Amino acid sequence: MDIYEMRNFIANDNLYMKNVGEKFCDDKGMLCSGICKPPNGTWKQMHTDCQIFNGSLTFTAGDENEVKVLRSVIWIFGQLRIINTNLTKVDFLEDLRYITSLETSEAILVENNVDLVEFSIPNLKRVHTNQKTWLNLRENHKNLAKSVINQPNLCLPYADFNGETELHVTEIDGENCGELNNELS
């Protein structure tokens, strides 16, 4: 299955795939054109017009000015990690609609960002991971929890198309975000 076929499966609201492949588009052929891969070196080498990333993306201390490469991203096939940065807000994922972790890990990990107080992915439509937790926030600024709890698309569990089965949840410092939201209501 190529990455374009996988996009059709992931975007379909009436379909849930328990397992997806581990990687797509390792060749340089036509089916993989227009797909960006994380850099082996610095983020400064990346184009700022990538819409599809194939591979895990990690931003750490020193990469704060490079997160702009994610402004136009719609699809991520891999994990997104934001770890030990000096970011105060994550507002550069406004175009992200789909993220599929191809590893046995959460789709997004945000950890040890002591200045981070805001986090948003306003247009996110669908996530997929082999894990129960899709978004894991650990040891960040204490006010980050409030920012996430107030956003239903981030905090409330992703369910199957009938809304009956909870598929993925957000965790904040080891606690289920949906349950934290209920406690505050």
N, C-alpha and C. Protein backbone atom coordinates (compact mmCIF):
# COMPACT_ATOMS: atom_id res chain seq x y z
N MET A 1 0.85 -1.17 0.00
CA MET A 1 0.00 0.00 0.00
C MET A 1 0.90 1.24 0.00
N ASP A 2 0.60 2.19 -0.87
CA ASP A 2 1.41 3.40 -0.87
C ASP A 2 0.77 4.45 0.05
N ILE A 3 1.47 5.53 0.23
CA ILE A 3 1.04 6.55 1.19
C ILE A 3 -0.26 7.23 0.75
N TYR A 4 -0.51 7.32 -0.54
CA TYR A 4 -1.74 7.95 -1.01
C TYR A 4 -2.95 7.07 -0.74
N GLU A 5 -2.78 5.76 -0.89
CA GLU A 5 -3.86 4.84 -0.53
C GLU A 5 -4.12 4.91 0.98
N MET A 6 -3.06 4.97 1.76
CA MET A 6 -3.21 5.06 3.22
C MET A 6 -3.94 6.35 3.60
N ARG A 7 -3.67 7.44 2.92
CA ARG A 7 -4.37 8.69 3.21
C ARG A 7 -5.87 8.52 3.06
N ASN A 8 -6.30 7.80 2.03
CA ASN A 8 -7.73 7.57 1.82
C ASN A 8 -8.34 6.77 2.96
N PHE A 9 -7.63 5.78 3.47
CA PHE A 9 -8.13 5.00 4.58
C PHE A 9 -8.22 5.83 5.86
N ILE A 10 -7.18 6.59 6.15
CA ILE A 10 -7.14 7.37 7.38
C ILE A 10 -8.21 8.47 7.36
N ALA A 11 -8.43 9.09 6.23
CA ALA A 11 -9.39 10.20 6.14
C ALA A 11 -10.85 9.73 6.16
N ASN A 12 -11.09 8.45 5.96
CA ASN A 12 -12.45 7.92 5.93
C ASN A 12 -12.99 7.81 7.35
N ASP A 13 -14.02 8.58 7.67
CA ASP A 13 -14.60 8.59 9.02
C ASP A 13 -15.30 7.29 9.38
N ASN A 14 -15.67 6.50 8.40
CA ASN A 14 -16.40 5.27 8.66
C ASN A 14 -15.50 4.04 8.75
N LEU A 15 -14.21 4.25 8.74
CA LEU A 15 -13.28 3.13 8.75
C LEU A 15 -12.26 3.31 9.86
N TYR A 16 -12.03 2.26 10.60
CA TYR A 16 -10.97 2.28 11.61
C TYR A 16 -10.06 1.09 11.35
N MET A 17 -8.79 1.35 11.20
CA MET A 17 -7.81 0.28 11.01
C MET A 17 -7.03 0.11 12.30
N LYS A 18 -7.06 -1.09 12.84
CA LYS A 18 -6.36 -1.32 14.09
C LYS A 18 -4.85 -1.18 13.90
N ASN A 19 -4.33 -1.73 12.84
CA ASN A 19 -2.89 -1.64 12.58
C ASN A 19 -2.66 -1.09 11.18
N VAL A 20 -1.69 -0.21 11.08
CA VAL A 20 -1.26 0.27 9.77
C VAL A 20 0.18 -0.18 9.59
N GLY A 21 0.69 -0.05 8.39
CA GLY A 21 2.06 -0.46 8.13
C GLY A 21 3.05 0.32 8.96
N GLU A 22 4.27 -0.16 8.99
CA GLU A 22 5.30 0.50 9.79
C GLU A 22 5.94 1.67 9.07
N LYS A 23 5.98 1.64 7.75
CA LYS A 23 6.53 2.77 7.01
C LYS A 23 6.02 2.75 5.58
N PHE A 24 6.09 3.91 4.97
CA PHE A 24 5.66 4.07 3.60
C PHE A 24 6.72 4.83 2.83
N CYS A 25 6.74 4.65 1.55
CA CYS A 25 7.54 5.47 0.64
C CYS A 25 9.02 5.52 0.99
N ASP A 26 9.65 4.37 1.10
CA ASP A 26 11.09 4.37 1.28
C ASP A 26 11.83 4.54 -0.04
N ASP A 27 11.13 4.29 -1.14
CA ASP A 27 11.80 4.46 -2.42
C ASP A 27 11.69 5.91 -2.87
N LYS A 28 12.37 6.22 -3.93
CA LYS A 28 12.36 7.60 -4.45
C LYS A 28 11.47 7.71 -5.68
N GLY A 29 10.59 6.74 -5.88
CA GLY A 29 9.75 6.69 -7.07
C GLY A 29 8.67 7.75 -7.08
N MET A 30 7.89 7.70 -8.13
CA MET A 30 6.85 8.69 -8.36
C MET A 30 5.78 8.69 -7.27
N LEU A 31 5.47 7.51 -6.70
CA LEU A 31 4.45 7.45 -5.65
C LEU A 31 4.86 8.21 -4.40
N CYS A 32 6.14 8.50 -4.27
CA CYS A 32 6.62 9.18 -3.07
C CYS A 32 7.00 10.63 -3.32
N SER A 33 6.79 11.13 -4.52
CA SER A 33 7.16 12.51 -4.79
C SER A 33 6.25 13.45 -4.00
N GLY A 34 6.79 14.54 -3.56
CA GLY A 34 6.03 15.52 -2.79
C GLY A 34 5.91 15.19 -1.32
N ILE A 35 6.57 14.14 -0.89
CA ILE A 35 6.51 13.74 0.51
C ILE A 35 7.84 14.09 1.16
N CYS A 36 7.78 14.80 2.28
CA CYS A 36 8.99 15.23 2.97
C CYS A 36 9.37 14.21 4.04
N LYS A 37 10.65 14.10 4.26
CA LYS A 37 11.16 13.26 5.34
C LYS A 37 11.88 14.16 6.32
N PRO A 38 11.88 13.77 7.60
CA PRO A 38 12.63 14.57 8.58
C PRO A 38 14.09 14.65 8.17
N PRO A 39 14.73 15.77 8.45
CA PRO A 39 16.13 15.93 8.05
C PRO A 39 17.06 15.06 8.89
N ASN A 40 18.15 14.65 8.26
CA ASN A 40 19.19 13.94 9.00
C ASN A 40 20.05 14.92 9.78
N GLY A 41 20.11 16.14 9.33
CA GLY A 41 20.91 17.15 9.98
C GLY A 41 20.05 18.17 10.70
N THR A 42 20.06 19.38 10.19
CA THR A 42 19.36 20.48 10.83
C THR A 42 18.00 20.73 10.17
N TRP A 43 17.08 21.29 10.96
CA TRP A 43 15.76 21.65 10.44
C TRP A 43 15.86 22.79 9.44
N LYS A 44 16.94 23.54 9.47
CA LYS A 44 17.09 24.68 8.56
C LYS A 44 17.13 24.24 7.10
N GLN A 45 17.41 22.95 6.87
CA GLN A 45 17.48 22.42 5.50
C GLN A 45 16.09 22.13 4.93
N MET A 46 15.07 22.15 5.75
CA MET A 46 13.73 21.74 5.32
C MET A 46 13.00 22.86 4.60
N HIS A 47 12.15 22.46 3.66
CA HIS A 47 11.25 23.40 2.98
C HIS A 47 10.12 23.75 3.93
N THR A 48 9.59 24.93 3.79
CA THR A 48 8.47 25.34 4.64
C THR A 48 7.12 25.08 3.98
N ASP A 49 7.13 24.39 2.84
CA ASP A 49 5.86 24.12 2.15
C ASP A 49 5.49 22.64 2.14
N CYS A 50 6.05 21.86 3.02
CA CYS A 50 5.73 20.42 3.10
C CYS A 50 4.32 20.23 3.63
N GLN A 51 3.54 19.42 2.94
CA GLN A 51 2.20 19.10 3.40
C GLN A 51 2.11 17.69 3.98
N ILE A 52 3.04 16.83 3.57
CA ILE A 52 3.05 15.45 4.06
C ILE A 52 4.44 15.13 4.58
N PHE A 53 4.52 14.70 5.83
CA PHE A 53 5.78 14.22 6.40
C PHE A 53 5.67 12.72 6.60
N ASN A 54 6.69 12.01 6.16
CA ASN A 54 6.77 10.57 6.37
C ASN A 54 7.97 10.31 7.27
N GLY A 55 7.71 10.04 8.53
CA GLY A 55 8.76 9.79 9.51
C GLY A 55 8.51 10.60 10.76
N SER A 56 9.16 10.20 11.82
CA SER A 56 8.97 10.88 13.10
C SER A 56 9.71 12.21 13.12
N LEU A 57 9.09 13.20 13.74
CA LEU A 57 9.63 14.55 13.82
C LEU A 57 9.93 14.88 15.27
N THR A 58 11.15 15.28 15.55
CA THR A 58 11.53 15.62 16.91
C THR A 58 12.09 17.04 16.95
N PHE A 59 11.51 17.86 17.82
CA PHE A 59 12.00 19.21 18.05
C PHE A 59 12.48 19.27 19.49
N THR A 60 13.72 19.72 19.68
CA THR A 60 14.30 19.81 21.02
C THR A 60 14.88 21.21 21.21
N ALA A 61 15.53 21.43 22.33
CA ALA A 61 16.14 22.72 22.62
C ALA A 61 17.01 23.15 21.44
N GLY A 62 16.84 24.39 21.02
CA GLY A 62 17.59 24.92 19.89
C GLY A 62 16.81 24.89 18.58
N ASP A 63 15.72 24.13 18.55
CA ASP A 63 14.91 24.03 17.33
C ASP A 63 13.72 24.98 17.33
N GLU A 64 13.58 25.81 18.33
CA GLU A 64 12.39 26.65 18.48
C GLU A 64 12.09 27.52 17.26
N ASN A 65 13.11 28.03 16.60
CA ASN A 65 12.89 28.87 15.43
C ASN A 65 12.60 28.07 14.17
N GLU A 66 12.75 26.76 14.24
CA GLU A 66 12.57 25.92 13.06
C GLU A 66 11.18 25.29 12.98
N VAL A 67 10.35 25.44 14.00
CA VAL A 67 9.03 24.81 13.99
C VAL A 67 8.15 25.34 12.86
N LYS A 68 8.55 26.43 12.25
CA LYS A 68 7.77 27.00 11.14
C LYS A 68 7.63 26.02 9.98
N VAL A 69 8.50 25.01 9.88
CA VAL A 69 8.37 24.02 8.81
C VAL A 69 7.07 23.23 8.95
N LEU A 70 6.43 23.28 10.11
CA LEU A 70 5.19 22.53 10.32
C LEU A 70 3.94 23.33 10.01
N ARG A 71 4.07 24.60 9.67
CA ARG A 71 2.89 25.45 9.44
C ARG A 71 1.99 24.93 8.32
N SER A 72 2.54 24.35 7.29
CA SER A 72 1.73 23.90 6.15
C SER A 72 1.47 22.39 6.16
N VAL A 73 1.91 21.70 7.19
CA VAL A 73 1.76 20.24 7.24
C VAL A 73 0.30 19.85 7.48
N ILE A 74 -0.20 18.95 6.64
CA ILE A 74 -1.56 18.43 6.77
C ILE A 74 -1.52 17.00 7.31
N TRP A 75 -0.54 16.21 6.89
CA TRP A 75 -0.41 14.80 7.25
C TRP A 75 0.94 14.54 7.90
N ILE A 76 0.96 13.78 8.97
CA ILE A 76 2.21 13.26 9.53
C ILE A 76 2.03 11.75 9.66
N PHE A 77 2.92 11.01 8.99
CA PHE A 77 2.99 9.56 9.15
C PHE A 77 4.21 9.28 10.00
N GLY A 78 4.04 9.26 11.29
CA GLY A 78 5.12 9.11 12.26
C GLY A 78 4.73 9.81 13.54
N GLN A 79 5.63 9.87 14.47
CA GLN A 79 5.37 10.52 15.75
C GLN A 79 5.89 11.95 15.72
N LEU A 80 5.19 12.86 16.39
CA LEU A 80 5.66 14.23 16.59
C LEU A 80 6.08 14.36 18.04
N ARG A 81 7.34 14.74 18.27
CA ARG A 81 7.86 14.92 19.62
C ARG A 81 8.33 16.37 19.78
N ILE A 82 7.89 16.99 20.87
CA ILE A 82 8.35 18.33 21.23
C ILE A 82 8.88 18.20 22.65
N ILE A 83 10.20 18.21 22.79
CA ILE A 83 10.83 17.85 24.06
C ILE A 83 11.89 18.88 24.45
N ASN A 84 11.83 19.33 25.69
CA ASN A 84 12.86 20.22 26.27
C ASN A 84 13.08 21.50 25.47
N THR A 85 12.00 22.10 24.98
CA THR A 85 12.15 23.35 24.24
C THR A 85 11.85 24.53 25.15
N ASN A 86 12.08 25.72 24.62
CA ASN A 86 11.72 26.95 25.32
C ASN A 86 10.47 27.58 24.71
N LEU A 87 9.71 26.80 23.96
CA LEU A 87 8.47 27.32 23.36
C LEU A 87 7.49 27.73 24.46
N THR A 88 6.75 28.81 24.21
CA THR A 88 5.69 29.21 25.14
C THR A 88 4.32 28.78 24.61
N LYS A 89 4.23 28.59 23.29
CA LYS A 89 2.97 28.09 22.74
C LYS A 89 3.24 27.29 21.47
N VAL A 90 2.38 26.32 21.25
CA VAL A 90 2.39 25.54 20.02
C VAL A 90 1.15 25.98 19.25
N ASP A 91 1.36 26.89 18.32
CA ASP A 91 0.27 27.43 17.51
C ASP A 91 0.60 27.30 16.02
N PHE A 92 1.60 26.48 15.72
CA PHE A 92 2.08 26.34 14.36
C PHE A 92 1.56 25.07 13.67
N LEU A 93 0.59 24.40 14.29
CA LEU A 93 0.02 23.18 13.71
C LEU A 93 -1.39 23.43 13.17
N GLU A 94 -1.65 24.67 12.74
CA GLU A 94 -3.01 25.02 12.34
C GLU A 94 -3.50 24.25 11.12
N ASP A 95 -2.63 23.76 10.26
CA ASP A 95 -3.07 23.00 9.09
C ASP A 95 -3.08 21.49 9.31
N LEU A 96 -2.53 21.01 10.41
CA LEU A 96 -2.46 19.57 10.66
C LEU A 96 -3.86 19.00 10.82
N ARG A 97 -4.18 18.01 9.98
CA ARG A 97 -5.50 17.38 10.03
C ARG A 97 -5.43 15.90 10.41
N TYR A 98 -4.33 15.24 10.03
CA TYR A 98 -4.22 13.80 10.27
C TYR A 98 -2.81 13.47 10.76
N ILE A 99 -2.76 12.63 11.77
CA ILE A 99 -1.47 12.12 12.24
C ILE A 99 -1.63 10.63 12.54
N THR A 100 -0.73 9.86 11.98
CA THR A 100 -0.74 8.41 12.14
C THR A 100 0.63 7.99 12.63
N SER A 101 0.70 7.52 13.86
CA SER A 101 1.96 7.04 14.39
C SER A 101 2.23 5.66 13.82
N LEU A 102 3.37 5.50 13.20
CA LEU A 102 3.74 4.21 12.61
C LEU A 102 4.57 3.39 13.58
N GLU A 103 4.77 3.91 14.77
CA GLU A 103 5.54 3.22 15.79
C GLU A 103 4.60 2.77 16.89
N THR A 104 5.11 2.02 17.84
CA THR A 104 4.29 1.66 19.00
C THR A 104 4.47 2.75 20.05
N SER A 105 3.90 3.90 19.76
CA SER A 105 4.01 5.04 20.67
C SER A 105 2.83 5.96 20.41
N GLU A 106 2.64 6.91 21.31
CA GLU A 106 1.61 7.91 21.09
C GLU A 106 1.94 8.68 19.82
N ALA A 107 0.92 9.30 19.22
CA ALA A 107 1.14 10.07 18.00
C ALA A 107 1.90 11.36 18.29
N ILE A 108 1.60 11.99 19.43
CA ILE A 108 2.27 13.24 19.80
C ILE A 108 2.73 13.16 21.25
N LEU A 109 4.00 13.48 21.47
CA LEU A 109 4.58 13.54 22.81
C LEU A 109 5.09 14.96 23.03
N VAL A 110 4.62 15.59 24.10
CA VAL A 110 5.06 16.94 24.47
C VAL A 110 5.58 16.82 25.90
N GLU A 111 6.89 16.97 26.07
CA GLU A 111 7.50 16.64 27.36
C GLU A 111 8.59 17.63 27.76
N ASN A 112 8.58 17.99 29.03
CA ASN A 112 9.62 18.84 29.64
C ASN A 112 9.80 20.18 28.93
N ASN A 113 8.69 20.82 28.61
CA ASN A 113 8.71 22.17 28.03
C ASN A 113 8.21 23.12 29.11
N VAL A 114 9.11 23.57 29.95
CA VAL A 114 8.71 24.27 31.19
C VAL A 114 8.07 25.63 30.95
N ASP A 115 8.22 26.20 29.75
CA ASP A 115 7.61 27.49 29.44
C ASP A 115 6.33 27.36 28.62
N LEU A 116 5.98 26.16 28.22
CA LEU A 116 4.85 25.94 27.32
C LEU A 116 3.52 26.06 28.06
N VAL A 117 2.71 27.06 27.67
CA VAL A 117 1.42 27.29 28.33
C VAL A 117 0.23 27.15 27.38
N GLU A 118 0.47 27.10 26.07
CA GLU A 118 -0.62 26.97 25.09
C GLU A 118 -0.26 25.90 24.07
N PHE A 119 -1.26 25.10 23.72
CA PHE A 119 -1.07 24.05 22.72
C PHE A 119 -2.37 23.91 21.95
N SER A 120 -2.31 24.00 20.63
CA SER A 120 -3.54 23.84 19.85
C SER A 120 -3.26 23.19 18.50
N ILE A 121 -4.23 22.40 18.06
CA ILE A 121 -4.26 21.83 16.71
C ILE A 121 -5.71 22.00 16.25
N PRO A 122 -6.08 23.21 15.83
CA PRO A 122 -7.49 23.54 15.62
C PRO A 122 -8.21 22.75 14.53
N ASN A 123 -7.50 22.27 13.53
CA ASN A 123 -8.15 21.59 12.41
C ASN A 123 -7.95 20.08 12.40
N LEU A 124 -7.48 19.53 13.49
CA LEU A 124 -7.23 18.10 13.56
C LEU A 124 -8.54 17.32 13.39
N LYS A 125 -8.53 16.36 12.46
CA LYS A 125 -9.73 15.57 12.19
C LYS A 125 -9.61 14.14 12.67
N ARG A 126 -8.42 13.56 12.56
CA ARG A 126 -8.29 12.13 12.86
C ARG A 126 -6.89 11.81 13.31
N VAL A 127 -6.79 10.92 14.29
CA VAL A 127 -5.49 10.42 14.75
C VAL A 127 -5.53 8.90 14.69
N HIS A 128 -4.35 8.32 14.57
CA HIS A 128 -4.25 6.86 14.63
C HIS A 128 -2.93 6.49 15.28
N THR A 129 -3.01 5.58 16.21
CA THR A 129 -1.83 5.03 16.85
C THR A 129 -2.20 3.65 17.38
N ASN A 130 -1.21 2.82 17.60
CA ASN A 130 -1.46 1.50 18.16
C ASN A 130 -1.65 1.57 19.67
N GLN A 131 -1.48 2.74 20.25
CA GLN A 131 -1.58 2.93 21.69
C GLN A 131 -2.92 3.57 22.06
N LYS A 132 -3.33 3.40 23.28
CA LYS A 132 -4.56 4.03 23.78
C LYS A 132 -4.38 5.55 23.84
N THR A 133 -3.20 6.00 24.27
CA THR A 133 -2.91 7.43 24.38
C THR A 133 -2.41 7.95 23.03
N TRP A 134 -3.08 8.98 22.50
CA TRP A 134 -2.62 9.57 21.25
C TRP A 134 -1.80 10.83 21.49
N LEU A 135 -2.15 11.60 22.54
CA LEU A 135 -1.44 12.82 22.89
C LEU A 135 -0.99 12.69 24.33
N ASN A 136 0.31 12.80 24.55
CA ASN A 136 0.86 12.62 25.89
C ASN A 136 1.62 13.88 26.28
N LEU A 137 1.12 14.56 27.30
CA LEU A 137 1.75 15.78 27.81
C LEU A 137 2.33 15.47 29.17
N ARG A 138 3.65 15.62 29.31
CA ARG A 138 4.31 15.27 30.57
C ARG A 138 5.30 16.36 30.99
N GLU A 139 5.20 16.75 32.25
CA GLU A 139 6.18 17.63 32.89
C GLU A 139 6.40 18.93 32.11
N ASN A 140 5.31 19.55 31.72
CA ASN A 140 5.35 20.85 31.07
C ASN A 140 4.90 21.91 32.08
N HIS A 141 4.76 23.14 31.64
CA HIS A 141 4.27 24.21 32.51
C HIS A 141 2.89 23.82 33.04
N LYS A 142 2.62 24.16 34.30
CA LYS A 142 1.36 23.75 34.94
C LYS A 142 0.12 24.31 34.23
N ASN A 143 0.23 25.46 33.56
CA ASN A 143 -0.92 26.06 32.88
C ASN A 143 -1.24 25.41 31.53
N LEU A 144 -0.35 24.55 31.04
CA LEU A 144 -0.63 23.88 29.78
C LEU A 144 -1.86 22.99 29.88
N ALA A 145 -2.04 22.36 31.01
CA ALA A 145 -3.21 21.48 31.20
C ALA A 145 -4.51 22.25 30.97
N LYS A 146 -4.60 23.47 31.49
CA LYS A 146 -5.81 24.28 31.30
C LYS A 146 -6.07 24.57 29.83
N SER A 147 -5.01 24.85 29.09
CA SER A 147 -5.14 25.13 27.66
C SER A 147 -5.70 23.93 26.92
N VAL A 148 -5.22 22.74 27.23
CA VAL A 148 -5.65 21.53 26.53
C VAL A 148 -7.04 21.09 26.98
N ILE A 149 -7.32 21.15 28.27
CA ILE A 149 -8.61 20.72 28.80
C ILE A 149 -9.76 21.51 28.17
N ASN A 150 -9.52 22.77 27.82
CA ASN A 150 -10.57 23.61 27.24
C ASN A 150 -10.77 23.42 25.74
N GLN A 151 -10.09 22.44 25.15
CA GLN A 151 -10.22 22.18 23.72
C GLN A 151 -10.74 20.76 23.50
N PRO A 152 -12.03 20.62 23.22
CA PRO A 152 -12.61 19.28 23.06
C PRO A 152 -11.90 18.41 22.02
N ASN A 153 -11.41 19.00 20.92
CA ASN A 153 -10.75 18.18 19.90
C ASN A 153 -9.43 17.60 20.40
N LEU A 154 -8.88 18.16 21.47
CA LEU A 154 -7.66 17.61 22.05
C LEU A 154 -7.95 16.76 23.28
N CYS A 155 -8.89 17.19 24.09
CA CYS A 155 -9.09 16.56 25.40
C CYS A 155 -10.05 15.38 25.38
N LEU A 156 -11.16 15.52 24.69
CA LEU A 156 -12.15 14.44 24.71
C LEU A 156 -11.65 13.25 23.91
N PRO A 157 -12.00 12.05 24.32
CA PRO A 157 -11.50 10.84 23.64
C PRO A 157 -11.98 10.75 22.20
N TYR A 158 -11.12 10.19 21.35
CA TYR A 158 -11.53 9.85 19.99
C TYR A 158 -12.27 8.52 20.07
N ALA A 159 -13.44 8.47 19.45
CA ALA A 159 -14.27 7.26 19.50
C ALA A 159 -14.48 6.73 18.09
N ASP A 160 -15.04 5.52 18.01
CA ASP A 160 -15.36 4.97 16.70
C ASP A 160 -16.48 5.79 16.06
N PHE A 161 -16.81 5.49 14.80
CA PHE A 161 -17.76 6.33 14.08
C PHE A 161 -19.15 6.32 14.69
N ASN A 162 -19.48 5.34 15.52
CA ASN A 162 -20.76 5.34 16.23
C ASN A 162 -20.68 6.12 17.54
N GLY A 163 -19.47 6.49 17.93
CA GLY A 163 -19.27 7.17 19.20
C GLY A 163 -19.39 6.25 20.40
N GLU A 164 -19.32 4.95 20.16
CA GLU A 164 -19.54 3.98 21.23
C GLU A 164 -18.26 3.46 21.88
N THR A 165 -17.20 3.34 21.11
CA THR A 165 -15.97 2.76 21.62
C THR A 165 -14.88 3.81 21.68
N GLU A 166 -14.30 4.00 22.84
CA GLU A 166 -13.21 4.94 23.01
C GLU A 166 -11.95 4.34 22.40
N LEU A 167 -11.38 5.03 21.41
CA LEU A 167 -10.20 4.52 20.72
C LEU A 167 -8.91 5.11 21.26
N HIS A 168 -8.88 6.43 21.41
CA HIS A 168 -7.65 7.11 21.83
C HIS A 168 -7.98 8.22 22.82
N VAL A 169 -7.09 8.42 23.79
CA VAL A 169 -7.27 9.47 24.80
C VAL A 169 -6.02 10.34 24.87
N THR A 170 -6.19 11.49 25.49
CA THR A 170 -5.08 12.39 25.80
C THR A 170 -4.74 12.22 27.27
N GLU A 171 -3.44 12.16 27.56
CA GLU A 171 -2.99 12.09 28.94
C GLU A 171 -2.21 13.35 29.29
N ILE A 172 -2.49 13.86 30.48
CA ILE A 172 -1.74 14.99 31.02
C ILE A 172 -1.12 14.52 32.32
N ASP A 173 0.19 14.42 32.34
CA ASP A 173 0.93 13.93 33.51
C ASP A 173 0.32 12.64 34.06
N GLY A 174 0.02 11.71 33.16
CA GLY A 174 -0.46 10.39 33.56
C GLY A 174 -1.95 10.29 33.82
N GLU A 175 -2.69 11.39 33.70
CA GLU A 175 -4.13 11.35 33.94
C GLU A 175 -4.90 11.58 32.65
N ASN A 176 -6.02 10.92 32.52
CA ASN A 176 -6.88 11.03 31.35
C ASN A 176 -7.48 12.44 31.28
N CYS A 177 -7.25 13.13 30.19
CA CYS A 177 -7.72 14.51 30.04
C CYS A 177 -9.24 14.62 30.13
N GLY A 178 -9.95 13.68 29.53
CA GLY A 178 -11.42 13.70 29.59
C GLY A 178 -11.93 13.63 31.01
N GLU A 179 -11.28 12.82 31.84
CA GLU A 179 -11.68 12.72 33.25
C GLU A 179 -11.33 14.00 34.00
N LEU A 180 -10.18 14.61 33.69
CA LEU A 180 -9.83 15.89 34.30
C LEU A 180 -10.85 16.96 33.92
N ASN A 181 -11.29 16.93 32.68
CA ASN A 181 -12.29 17.87 32.19
C ASN A 181 -13.60 17.71 32.97
N ASN A 182 -14.01 16.47 33.21
CA ASN A 182 -15.24 16.21 33.97
C ASN A 182 -15.13 16.72 35.40
N GLU A 183 -13.94 16.60 36.00
CA GLU A 183 -13.74 17.07 37.37
C GLU A 183 -13.88 18.58 37.47
N LEU A 184 -13.47 19.29 36.41
CA LEU A 184 -13.54 20.75 36.42
C LEU A 184 -14.92 21.28 36.07
N SER A 185 -15.76 20.43 35.46
CA SER A 185 -17.10 20.87 35.03
C SER A 185 -18.04 20.99 36.19
